[in-house]
Amino acid sequence: MKTESEIISKLKQHSSLTPSKWRENAEWRITNKSWLRYSQMIAMMMLDKMEELGLTQKAVAERMGCSQQYISRVLKGTENLSIETIAKIESALDLQILDSVAIAR
C-alpha cells in the first residue's frame, strides 16, 4: 500500500503546470446567465435551420458578410450578440429570432 506522500507525489506528476480556469469560467457563466440563455437558444435555432437548408458555417458566414470563425463562436452559444447581428442571422437563414425569443420567455 502506498503512503500518503507517495500518492501526493504521483498526483503532482500528473497535475497541470498552468492553473485551472474552472472557477473563473463558472463565475463568468453565472454572471452572464441571463443573456447566455438567449445566445444558446439562438445557436440552437441556427443549427436547426442550417441542417434543414444544408448550409455550412462557411456558407452562413458568406451570407452574413463575416468570418466562419465568428459563426463558430456564435454557434457555441457564448457570443453576446448585437441586434444588428441577430438581424443578419435572421436574413441569412430566413429565421424569426427576436419574435421567437420573446415568445419563449
PDB file of N, CA and C in Angstrom:
ATOM      1  N   MET A   1       0.840  -1.178   0.000  1.00  0.00           N
ATOM      2  CA  MET A   1       0.000   0.000   0.000  1.00  0.00           C
ATOM      3  C   MET A   1       0.887   1.245   0.000  1.00  0.00           C
ATOM      4  N   LYS A   2       0.505   2.220  -0.815  1.00  0.00           N
ATOM      5  CA  LYS A   2       1.299   3.438  -0.938  1.00  0.00           C
ATOM      6  C   LYS A   2       1.040   4.373   0.229  1.00  0.00           C
ATOM      7  N   THR A   3       2.064   5.104   0.567  1.00  0.00           N
ATOM      8  CA  THR A   3       1.921   6.095   1.635  1.00  0.00           C
ATOM      9  C   THR A   3       1.274   7.353   1.076  1.00  0.00           C
ATOM     10  N   GLU A   4       0.822   8.179   1.980  1.00  0.00           N
ATOM     11  CA  GLU A   4       0.190   9.438   1.577  1.00  0.00           C
ATOM     12  C   GLU A   4       1.146  10.300   0.761  1.00  0.00           C
ATOM     13  N   SER A   5       2.409  10.380   1.151  1.00  0.00           N
ATOM     14  CA  SER A   5       3.379  11.208   0.424  1.00  0.00           C
ATOM     15  C   SER A   5       3.645  10.634  -0.964  1.00  0.00           C
ATOM     16  N   GLU A   6       3.608   9.322  -1.127  1.00  0.00           N
ATOM     17  CA  GLU A   6       3.789   8.717  -2.454  1.00  0.00           C
ATOM     18  C   GLU A   6       2.610   9.053  -3.358  1.00  0.00           C
ATOM     19  N   ILE A   7       1.429   9.010  -2.785  1.00  0.00           N
ATOM     20  CA  ILE A   7       0.220   9.336  -3.558  1.00  0.00           C
ATOM     21  C   ILE A   7       0.248  10.801  -3.984  1.00  0.00           C
ATOM     22  N   ILE A   8       0.597  11.686  -3.065  1.00  0.00           N
ATOM     23  CA  ILE A   8       0.670  13.117  -3.386  1.00  0.00           C
ATOM     24  C   ILE A   8       1.729  13.372  -4.443  1.00  0.00           C
ATOM     25  N   SER A   9       2.861  12.718  -4.329  1.00  0.00           N
ATOM     26  CA  SER A   9       3.926  12.861  -5.318  1.00  0.00           C
ATOM     27  C   SER A   9       3.446  12.409  -6.697  1.00  0.00           C
ATOM     28  N   LYS A  10       2.729  11.302  -6.757  1.00  0.00           N
ATOM     29  CA  LYS A  10       2.198  10.784  -8.025  1.00  0.00           C
ATOM     30  C   LYS A  10       1.183  11.755  -8.623  1.00  0.00           C
ATOM     31  N   LEU A  11       0.327  12.298  -7.786  1.00  0.00           N
ATOM     32  CA  LEU A  11      -0.662  13.272  -8.261  1.00  0.00           C
ATOM     33  C   LEU A  11       0.007  14.527  -8.815  1.00  0.00           C
ATOM     34  N   LYS A  12       1.044  14.994  -8.146  1.00  0.00           N
ATOM     35  CA  LYS A  12       1.767  16.183  -8.608  1.00  0.00           C
ATOM     36  C   LYS A  12       2.417  15.950  -9.961  1.00  0.00           C
ATOM     37  N   GLN A  13       2.857  14.723 -10.239  1.00  0.00           N
ATOM     38  CA  GLN A  13       3.467  14.405 -11.535  1.00  0.00           C
ATOM     39  C   GLN A  13       2.460  14.589 -12.669  1.00  0.00           C
ATOM     40  N   HIS A  14       1.194  14.377 -12.363  1.00  0.00           N
ATOM     41  CA  HIS A  14       0.156  14.443 -13.396  1.00  0.00           C
ATOM     42  C   HIS A  14      -0.621  15.754 -13.386  1.00  0.00           C
ATOM     43  N   SER A  15      -0.277  16.651 -12.505  1.00  0.00           N
ATOM     44  CA  SER A  15      -1.006  17.918 -12.443  1.00  0.00           C
ATOM     45  C   SER A  15      -0.503  18.864 -13.532  1.00  0.00           C
ATOM     46  N   SER A  16      -1.378  19.740 -13.935  1.00  0.00           N
ATOM     47  CA  SER A  16      -1.058  20.718 -14.972  1.00  0.00           C
ATOM     48  C   SER A  16      -0.155  21.810 -14.410  1.00  0.00           C
ATOM     49  N   LEU A  17       0.729  22.311 -15.250  1.00  0.00           N
ATOM     50  CA  LEU A  17       1.598  23.407 -14.838  1.00  0.00           C
ATOM     51  C   LEU A  17       0.860  24.748 -14.834  1.00  0.00           C
ATOM     52  N   THR A  18      -0.195  24.826 -15.638  1.00  0.00           N
ATOM     53  CA  THR A  18      -0.989  26.056 -15.677  1.00  0.00           C
ATOM     54  C   THR A  18      -2.197  25.898 -14.762  1.00  0.00           C
ATOM     55  N   PRO A  19      -2.562  26.942 -14.045  1.00  0.00           N
ATOM     56  CA  PRO A  19      -3.701  26.833 -13.127  1.00  0.00           C
ATOM     57  C   PRO A  19      -5.017  26.667 -13.898  1.00  0.00           C
ATOM     58  N   SER A  20      -5.941  25.972 -13.300  1.00  0.00           N
ATOM     59  CA  SER A  20      -7.248  25.752 -13.904  1.00  0.00           C
ATOM     60  C   SER A  20      -8.043  27.050 -13.930  1.00  0.00           C
ATOM     61  N   LYS A  21      -8.802  27.235 -14.982  1.00  0.00           N
ATOM     62  CA  LYS A  21      -9.662  28.415 -15.089  1.00  0.00           C
ATOM     63  C   LYS A  21     -11.110  28.035 -14.813  1.00  0.00           C
ATOM     64  N   TRP A  22     -11.311  26.867 -14.193  1.00  0.00           N
ATOM     65  CA  TRP A  22     -12.655  26.387 -13.931  1.00  0.00           C
ATOM     66  C   TRP A  22     -13.472  27.398 -13.140  1.00  0.00           C
ATOM     67  N   ARG A  23     -12.917  27.898 -12.061  1.00  0.00           N
ATOM     68  CA  ARG A  23     -13.656  28.827 -11.200  1.00  0.00           C
ATOM     69  C   ARG A  23     -14.012  30.111 -11.958  1.00  0.00           C
ATOM     70  N   GLU A  24     -13.042  30.670 -12.691  1.00  0.00           N
ATOM     71  CA  GLU A  24     -13.329  31.904 -13.444  1.00  0.00           C
ATOM     72  C   GLU A  24     -14.416  31.654 -14.482  1.00  0.00           C
ATOM     73  N   ASN A  25     -14.347  30.503 -15.171  1.00  0.00           N
ATOM     74  CA  ASN A  25     -15.359  30.185 -16.187  1.00  0.00           C
ATOM     75  C   ASN A  25     -16.732  30.012 -15.549  1.00  0.00           C
ATOM     76  N   ALA A  26     -16.803  29.346 -14.422  1.00  0.00           N
ATOM     77  CA  ALA A  26     -18.073  29.149 -13.722  1.00  0.00           C
ATOM     78  C   ALA A  26     -18.652  30.485 -13.261  1.00  0.00           C
ATOM     79  N   GLU A  27     -17.811  31.349 -12.707  1.00  0.00           N
ATOM     80  CA  GLU A  27     -18.277  32.663 -12.259  1.00  0.00           C
ATOM     81  C   GLU A  27     -18.756  33.500 -13.434  1.00  0.00           C
ATOM     82  N   TRP A  28     -18.047  33.410 -14.567  1.00  0.00           N
ATOM     83  CA  TRP A  28     -18.445  34.143 -15.772  1.00  0.00           C
ATOM     84  C   TRP A  28     -19.815  33.671 -16.247  1.00  0.00           C
ATOM     85  N   ARG A  29     -20.037  32.337 -16.265  1.00  0.00           N
ATOM     86  CA  ARG A  29     -21.332  31.793 -16.692  1.00  0.00           C
ATOM     87  C   ARG A  29     -22.455  32.259 -15.765  1.00  0.00           C
ATOM     88  N   ILE A  30     -22.194  32.298 -14.467  1.00  0.00           N
ATOM     89  CA  ILE A  30     -23.210  32.751 -13.505  1.00  0.00           C
ATOM     90  C   ILE A  30     -23.513  34.232 -13.711  1.00  0.00           C
ATOM     91  N   THR A  31     -22.479  35.038 -13.874  1.00  0.00           N
ATOM     92  CA  THR A  31     -22.639  36.479 -14.075  1.00  0.00           C
ATOM     93  C   THR A  31     -23.414  36.786 -15.352  1.00  0.00           C
ATOM     94  N   ASN A  32     -23.184  36.001 -16.399  1.00  0.00           N
ATOM     95  CA  ASN A  32     -23.776  36.274 -17.715  1.00  0.00           C
ATOM     96  C   ASN A  32     -24.940  35.343 -18.052  1.00  0.00           C
ATOM     97  N   LYS A  33     -25.510  34.728 -17.048  1.00  0.00           N
ATOM     98  CA  LYS A  33     -26.558  33.719 -17.244  1.00  0.00           C
ATOM     99  C   LYS A  33     -27.733  34.230 -18.067  1.00  0.00           C
ATOM    100  N   SER A  34     -28.171  35.460 -17.826  1.00  0.00           N
ATOM    101  CA  SER A  34     -29.382  35.954 -18.490  1.00  0.00           C
ATOM    102  C   SER A  34     -29.232  36.029 -20.006  1.00  0.00           C
ATOM    103  N   TRP A  35     -28.158  36.626 -20.498  1.00  0.00           N
ATOM    104  CA  TRP A  35     -28.022  36.719 -21.954  1.00  0.00           C
ATOM    105  C   TRP A  35     -27.480  35.433 -22.565  1.00  0.00           C
ATOM    106  N   LEU A  36     -26.759  34.626 -21.803  1.00  0.00           N
ATOM    107  CA  LEU A  36     -26.269  33.345 -22.327  1.00  0.00           C
ATOM    108  C   LEU A  36     -27.418  32.430 -22.715  1.00  0.00           C
ATOM    109  N   ARG A  37     -28.487  32.451 -21.949  1.00  0.00           N
ATOM    110  CA  ARG A  37     -29.663  31.623 -22.259  1.00  0.00           C
ATOM    111  C   ARG A  37     -30.188  31.972 -23.653  1.00  0.00           C
ATOM    112  N   TYR A  38     -30.280  33.252 -23.955  1.00  0.00           N
ATOM    113  CA  TYR A  38     -30.751  33.681 -25.277  1.00  0.00           C
ATOM    114  C   TYR A  38     -29.754  33.305 -26.358  1.00  0.00           C
ATOM    115  N   SER A  39     -28.496  33.508 -26.084  1.00  0.00           N
ATOM    116  CA  SER A  39     -27.462  33.179 -27.063  1.00  0.00           C
ATOM    117  C   SER A  39     -27.492  31.691 -27.410  1.00  0.00           C
ATOM    118  N   GLN A  40     -27.701  30.851 -26.406  1.00  0.00           N
ATOM    119  CA  GLN A  40     -27.763  29.413 -26.642  1.00  0.00           C
ATOM    120  C   GLN A  40     -29.018  29.034 -27.431  1.00  0.00           C
ATOM    121  N   MET A  41     -30.146  29.690 -27.137  1.00  0.00           N
ATOM    122  CA  MET A  41     -31.369  29.427 -27.893  1.00  0.00           C
ATOM    123  C   MET A  41     -31.194  29.817 -29.359  1.00  0.00           C
ATOM    124  N   ILE A  42     -30.555  30.946 -29.606  1.00  0.00           N
ATOM    125  CA  ILE A  42     -30.309  31.395 -30.977  1.00  0.00           C
ATOM    126  C   ILE A  42     -29.385  30.425 -31.693  1.00  0.00           C
ATOM    127  N   ALA A  43     -28.356  29.967 -31.003  1.00  0.00           N
ATOM    128  CA  ALA A  43     -27.422  29.000 -31.604  1.00  0.00           C
ATOM    129  C   ALA A  43     -28.161  27.729 -32.013  1.00  0.00           C
ATOM    130  N   MET A  44     -29.062  27.243 -31.159  1.00  0.00           N
ATOM    131  CA  MET A  44     -29.815  26.035 -31.489  1.00  0.00           C
ATOM    132  C   MET A  44     -30.745  26.264 -32.688  1.00  0.00           C
ATOM    133  N   MET A  45     -31.384  27.431 -32.726  1.00  0.00           N
ATOM    134  CA  MET A  45     -32.240  27.757 -33.866  1.00  0.00           C
ATOM    135  C   MET A  45     -31.431  27.790 -35.152  1.00  0.00           C
ATOM    136  N   MET A  46     -30.238  28.399 -35.073  1.00  0.00           N
ATOM    137  CA  MET A  46     -29.367  28.472 -36.250  1.00  0.00           C
ATOM    138  C   MET A  46     -28.955  27.085 -36.715  1.00  0.00           C
ATOM    139  N   LEU A  47     -28.533  26.251 -35.772  1.00  0.00           N
ATOM    140  CA  LEU A  47     -28.091  24.902 -36.133  1.00  0.00           C
ATOM    141  C   LEU A  47     -29.212  24.101 -36.783  1.00  0.00           C
ATOM    142  N   ASP A  48     -30.421  24.205 -36.238  1.00  0.00           N
ATOM    143  CA  ASP A  48     -31.565  23.500 -36.831  1.00  0.00           C
ATOM    144  C   ASP A  48     -31.822  23.968 -38.256  1.00  0.00           C
ATOM    145  N   LYS A  49     -31.803  25.298 -38.458  1.00  0.00           N
ATOM    146  CA  LYS A  49     -32.079  25.857 -39.786  1.00  0.00           C
ATOM    147  C   LYS A  49     -30.958  25.531 -40.768  1.00  0.00           C
ATOM    148  N   MET A  50     -29.710  25.583 -40.296  1.00  0.00           N
ATOM    149  CA  MET A  50     -28.581  25.238 -41.160  1.00  0.00           C
ATOM    150  C   MET A  50     -28.681  23.790 -41.620  1.00  0.00           C
ATOM    151  N   GLU A  51     -29.075  22.912 -40.715  1.00  0.00           N
ATOM    152  CA  GLU A  51     -29.240  21.500 -41.080  1.00  0.00           C
ATOM    153  C   GLU A  51     -30.368  21.342 -42.095  1.00  0.00           C
ATOM    154  N   GLU A  52     -31.472  22.026 -41.848  1.00  0.00           N
ATOM    155  CA  GLU A  52     -32.622  21.974 -42.756  1.00  0.00           C
ATOM    156  C   GLU A  52     -32.242  22.442 -44.164  1.00  0.00           C
ATOM    157  N   LEU A  53     -31.449  23.512 -44.237  1.00  0.00           N
ATOM    158  CA  LEU A  53     -31.056  24.083 -45.532  1.00  0.00           C
ATOM    159  C   LEU A  53     -29.789  23.452 -46.107  1.00  0.00           C
ATOM    160  N   GLY A  54     -29.115  22.628 -45.330  1.00  0.00           N
ATOM    161  CA  GLY A  54     -27.870  22.008 -45.796  1.00  0.00           C
ATOM    162  C   GLY A  54     -26.731  23.015 -45.910  1.00  0.00           C
ATOM    163  N   LEU A  55     -26.694  23.973 -44.998  1.00  0.00           N
ATOM    164  CA  LEU A  55     -25.677  25.025 -45.055  1.00  0.00           C
ATOM    165  C   LEU A  55     -24.538  24.752 -44.083  1.00  0.00           C
ATOM    166  N   THR A  56     -23.345  25.101 -44.503  1.00  0.00           N
ATOM    167  CA  THR A  56     -22.165  25.016 -43.639  1.00  0.00           C
ATOM    168  C   THR A  56     -21.961  26.345 -42.930  1.00  0.00           C
ATOM    169  N   GLN A  57     -21.066  26.341 -41.956  1.00  0.00           N
ATOM    170  CA  GLN A  57     -20.712  27.588 -41.284  1.00  0.00           C
ATOM    171  C   GLN A  57     -20.156  28.583 -42.288  1.00  0.00           C
ATOM    172  N   LYS A  58     -19.355  28.104 -43.213  1.00  0.00           N
ATOM    173  CA  LYS A  58     -18.759  28.980 -44.221  1.00  0.00           C
ATOM    174  C   LYS A  58     -19.843  29.635 -45.077  1.00  0.00           C
ATOM    175  N   ALA A  59     -20.853  28.862 -45.468  1.00  0.00           N
ATOM    176  CA  ALA A  59     -21.930  29.408 -46.300  1.00  0.00           C
ATOM    177  C   ALA A  59     -22.721  30.473 -45.535  1.00  0.00           C
ATOM    178  N   VAL A  60     -22.982  30.227 -44.261  1.00  0.00           N
ATOM    179  CA  VAL A  60     -23.702  31.212 -43.448  1.00  0.00           C
ATOM    180  C   VAL A  60     -22.855  32.473 -43.289  1.00  0.00           C
ATOM    181  N   ALA A  61     -21.561  32.285 -43.076  1.00  0.00           N
ATOM    182  CA  ALA A  61     -20.653  33.434 -42.942  1.00  0.00           C
ATOM    183  C   ALA A  61     -20.673  34.282 -44.208  1.00  0.00           C
ATOM    184  N   GLU A  62     -20.669  33.646 -45.352  1.00  0.00           N
ATOM    185  CA  GLU A  62     -20.712  34.390 -46.623  1.00  0.00           C
ATOM    186  C   GLU A  62     -22.015  35.177 -46.738  1.00  0.00           C
ATOM    187  N   ARG A  63     -23.104  34.560 -46.360  1.00  0.00           N
ATOM    188  CA  ARG A  63     -24.403  35.243 -46.412  1.00  0.00           C
ATOM    189  C   ARG A  63     -24.458  36.432 -45.459  1.00  0.00           C
ATOM    190  N   MET A  64     -23.764  36.313 -44.317  1.00  0.00           N
ATOM    191  CA  MET A  64     -23.792  37.384 -43.315  1.00  0.00           C
ATOM    192  C   MET A  64     -22.675  38.401 -43.496  1.00  0.00           C
ATOM    193  N   GLY A  65     -21.686  38.093 -44.327  1.00  0.00           N
ATOM    194  CA  GLY A  65     -20.567  39.013 -44.522  1.00  0.00           C
ATOM    195  C   GLY A  65     -19.618  39.027 -43.339  1.00  0.00           C
ATOM    196  N   CYS A  66     -19.382  37.861 -42.764  1.00  0.00           N
ATOM    197  CA  CYS A  66     -18.450  37.766 -41.635  1.00  0.00           C
ATOM    198  C   CYS A  66     -17.577  36.516 -41.828  1.00  0.00           C
ATOM    199  N   SER A  67     -16.756  36.216 -40.854  1.00  0.00           N
ATOM    200  CA  SER A  67     -15.859  35.064 -40.982  1.00  0.00           C
ATOM    201  C   SER A  67     -16.520  33.786 -40.470  1.00  0.00           C
ATOM    202  N   GLN A  68     -16.029  32.668 -40.957  1.00  0.00           N
ATOM    203  CA  GLN A  68     -16.501  31.363 -40.483  1.00  0.00           C
ATOM    204  C   GLN A  68     -16.166  31.204 -38.999  1.00  0.00           C
ATOM    205  N   GLN A  69     -15.045  31.767 -38.580  1.00  0.00           N
ATOM    206  CA  GLN A  69     -14.652  31.682 -37.173  1.00  0.00           C
ATOM    207  C   GLN A  69     -15.674  32.372 -36.271  1.00  0.00           C
ATOM    208  N   TYR A  70     -16.223  33.496 -36.738  1.00  0.00           N
ATOM    209  CA  TYR A  70     -17.231  34.200 -35.954  1.00  0.00           C
ATOM    210  C   TYR A  70     -18.496  33.348 -35.833  1.00  0.00           C
ATOM    211  N   ILE A  71     -18.908  32.733 -36.944  1.00  0.00           N
ATOM    212  CA  ILE A  71     -20.086  31.862 -36.925  1.00  0.00           C
ATOM    213  C   ILE A  71     -19.866  30.720 -35.941  1.00  0.00           C
ATOM    214  N   SER A  72     -18.665  30.174 -35.921  1.00  0.00           N
ATOM    215  CA  SER A  72     -18.334  29.101 -34.988  1.00  0.00           C
ATOM    216  C   SER A  72     -18.530  29.560 -33.542  1.00  0.00           C
ATOM    217  N   ARG A  73     -18.080  30.769 -33.244  1.00  0.00           N
ATOM    218  CA  ARG A  73     -18.245  31.307 -31.881  1.00  0.00           C
ATOM    219  C   ARG A  73     -19.733  31.507 -31.554  1.00  0.00           C
ATOM    220  N   VAL A  74     -20.491  31.999 -32.529  1.00  0.00           N
ATOM    221  CA  VAL A  74     -21.930  32.209 -32.318  1.00  0.00           C
ATOM    222  C   VAL A  74     -22.611  30.867 -32.034  1.00  0.00           C
ATOM    223  N   LEU A  75     -22.228  29.837 -32.785  1.00  0.00           N
ATOM    224  CA  LEU A  75     -22.859  28.532 -32.637  1.00  0.00           C
ATOM    225  C   LEU A  75     -22.473  27.819 -31.341  1.00  0.00           C
ATOM    226  N   LYS A  76     -21.467  28.313 -30.667  1.00  0.00           N
ATOM    227  CA  LYS A  76     -21.125  27.760 -29.347  1.00  0.00           C
ATOM    228  C   LYS A  76     -22.103  28.268 -28.287  1.00  0.00           C
ATOM    229  N   GLY A  77     -22.863  29.312 -28.623  1.00  0.00           N
ATOM    230  CA  GLY A  77     -23.866  29.836 -27.704  1.00  0.00           C
ATOM    231  C   GLY A  77     -23.312  30.709 -26.596  1.00  0.00           C
ATOM    232  N   THR A  78     -22.101  31.214 -26.789  1.00  0.00           N
ATOM    233  CA  THR A  78     -21.497  32.059 -25.751  1.00  0.00           C
ATOM    234  C   THR A  78     -21.131  33.440 -26.276  1.00  0.00           C
ATOM    235  N   GLU A  79     -21.623  33.777 -27.453  1.00  0.00           N
ATOM    236  CA  GLU A  79     -21.323  35.082 -28.046  1.00  0.00           C
ATOM    237  C   GLU A  79     -22.432  36.064 -27.676  1.00  0.00           C
ATOM    238  N   ASN A  80     -22.061  37.236 -27.183  1.00  0.00           N
ATOM    239  CA  ASN A  80     -23.028  38.270 -26.834  1.00  0.00           C
ATOM    240  C   ASN A  80     -23.410  38.994 -28.122  1.00  0.00           C
ATOM    241  N   LEU A  81     -24.564  38.646 -28.664  1.00  0.00           N
ATOM    242  CA  LEU A  81     -24.980  39.116 -29.988  1.00  0.00           C
ATOM    243  C   LEU A  81     -25.661  40.473 -29.933  1.00  0.00           C
ATOM    244  N   SER A  82     -25.291  41.318 -30.898  1.00  0.00           N
ATOM    245  CA  SER A  82     -25.972  42.608 -31.023  1.00  0.00           C
ATOM    246  C   SER A  82     -27.265  42.401 -31.810  1.00  0.00           C
ATOM    247  N   ILE A  83     -28.158  43.358 -31.732  1.00  0.00           N
ATOM    248  CA  ILE A  83     -29.396  43.287 -32.511  1.00  0.00           C
ATOM    249  C   ILE A  83     -29.070  43.279 -33.999  1.00  0.00           C
ATOM    250  N   GLU A  84     -28.037  44.018 -34.396  1.00  0.00           N
ATOM    251  CA  GLU A  84     -27.615  44.025 -35.799  1.00  0.00           C
ATOM    252  C   GLU A  84     -27.216  42.620 -36.243  1.00  0.00           C
ATOM    253  N   THR A  85     -26.447  41.918 -35.420  1.00  0.00           N
ATOM    254  CA  THR A  85     -26.023  40.566 -35.772  1.00  0.00           C
ATOM    255  C   THR A  85     -27.216  39.627 -35.830  1.00  0.00           C
ATOM    256  N   ILE A  86     -28.128  39.761 -34.884  1.00  0.00           N
ATOM    257  CA  ILE A  86     -29.324  38.920 -34.894  1.00  0.00           C
ATOM    258  C   ILE A  86     -30.125  39.156 -36.171  1.00  0.00           C
ATOM    259  N   ALA A  87     -30.239  40.406 -36.592  1.00  0.00           N
ATOM    260  CA  ALA A  87     -30.951  40.727 -37.830  1.00  0.00           C
ATOM    261  C   ALA A  87     -30.259  40.091 -39.038  1.00  0.00           C
ATOM    262  N   LYS A  88     -28.935  40.095 -39.044  1.00  0.00           N
ATOM    263  CA  LYS A  88     -28.184  39.458 -40.138  1.00  0.00           C
ATOM    264  C   LYS A  88     -28.408  37.952 -40.148  1.00  0.00           C
ATOM    265  N   ILE A  89     -28.460  37.344 -38.972  1.00  0.00           N
ATOM    266  CA  ILE A  89     -28.725  35.906 -38.875  1.00  0.00           C
ATOM    267  C   ILE A  89     -30.127  35.605 -39.408  1.00  0.00           C
ATOM    268  N   GLU A  90     -31.095  36.436 -38.992  1.00  0.00           N
ATOM    269  CA  GLU A  90     -32.468  36.248 -39.468  1.00  0.00           C
ATOM    270  C   GLU A  90     -32.536  36.310 -40.990  1.00  0.00           C
ATOM    271  N   SER A  91     -31.851  37.276 -41.567  1.00  0.00           N
ATOM    272  CA  SER A  91     -31.857  37.442 -43.017  1.00  0.00           C
ATOM    273  C   SER A  91     -31.135  36.293 -43.724  1.00  0.00           C
ATOM    274  N   ALA A  92     -29.982  35.905 -43.207  1.00  0.00           N
ATOM    275  CA  ALA A  92     -29.177  34.861 -43.848  1.00  0.00           C
ATOM    276  C   ALA A  92     -29.854  33.499 -43.813  1.00  0.00           C
ATOM    277  N   LEU A  93     -30.624  33.248 -42.752  1.00  0.00           N
ATOM    278  CA  LEU A  93     -31.223  31.917 -42.588  1.00  0.00           C
ATOM    279  C   LEU A  93     -32.747  31.922 -42.689  1.00  0.00           C
ATOM    280  N   ASP A  94     -33.332  33.075 -43.001  1.00  0.00           N
ATOM    281  CA  ASP A  94     -34.784  33.219 -43.089  1.00  0.00           C
ATOM    282  C   ASP A  94     -35.437  32.717 -41.798  1.00  0.00           C
ATOM    283  N   LEU A  95     -34.988  33.294 -40.687  1.00  0.00           N
ATOM    284  CA  LEU A  95     -35.485  32.945 -39.359  1.00  0.00           C
ATOM    285  C   LEU A  95     -36.169  34.145 -38.722  1.00  0.00           C
ATOM    286  N   GLN A  96     -37.058  33.891 -37.769  1.00  0.00           N
ATOM    287  CA  GLN A  96     -37.646  34.938 -36.944  1.00  0.00           C
ATOM    288  C   GLN A  96     -37.137  34.708 -35.528  1.00  0.00           C
ATOM    289  N   ILE A  97     -36.007  35.275 -35.211  1.00  0.00           N
ATOM    290  CA  ILE A  97     -35.382  35.035 -33.910  1.00  0.00           C
ATOM    291  C   ILE A  97     -35.984  35.911 -32.820  1.00  0.00           C
ATOM    292  N   LEU A  98     -36.033  37.189 -33.040  1.00  0.00           N
ATOM    293  CA  LEU A  98     -36.495  38.092 -31.989  1.00  0.00           C
ATOM    294  C   LEU A  98     -37.920  37.788 -31.553  1.00  0.00           C
ATOM    295  N   ASP A  99     -38.809  37.493 -32.491  1.00  0.00           N
ATOM    296  CA  ASP A  99     -40.177  37.112 -32.137  1.00  0.00           C
ATOM    297  C   ASP A  99     -40.156  35.807 -31.347  1.00  0.00           C
ATOM    298  N   SER A 100     -39.371  34.855 -31.774  1.00  0.00           N
ATOM    299  CA  SER A 100     -39.311  33.549 -31.107  1.00  0.00           C
ATOM    300  C   SER A 100     -38.741  33.654 -29.716  1.00  0.00           C
ATOM    301  N   VAL A 101     -37.708  34.465 -29.525  1.00  0.00           N
ATOM    302  CA  VAL A 101     -37.113  34.619 -28.209  1.00  0.00           C
ATOM    303  C   VAL A 101     -38.084  35.286 -27.262  1.00  0.00           C
ATOM    304  N   ALA A 102     -38.799  36.288 -27.733  1.00  0.00           N
ATOM    305  CA  ALA A 102     -39.772  36.985 -26.884  1.00  0.00           C
ATOM    306  C   ALA A 102     -40.898  36.050 -26.469  1.00  0.00           C
ATOM    307  N   ILE A 103     -41.338  35.193 -27.357  1.00  0.00           N
ATOM    308  CA  ILE A 103     -42.423  34.240 -27.062  1.00  0.00           C
ATOM    309  C   ILE A 103     -41.937  33.192 -26.060  1.00  0.00           C
ATOM    310  N   ALA A 104     -40.675  32.735 -26.236  1.00  0.00           N
ATOM    311  CA  ALA A 104     -40.128  31.691 -25.371  1.00  0.00           C
ATOM    312  C   ALA A 104     -39.961  32.170 -23.937  1.00  0.00           C
ATOM    313  N   ARG A 105     -39.845  33.419 -23.769  1.00  0.00           N
ATOM    314  CA  ARG A 105     -39.627  33.987 -22.424  1.00  0.00           C
ATOM    315  C   ARG A 105     -40.907  33.947 -21.691  1.00  0.00           C
TER     316      ARG A 105
END
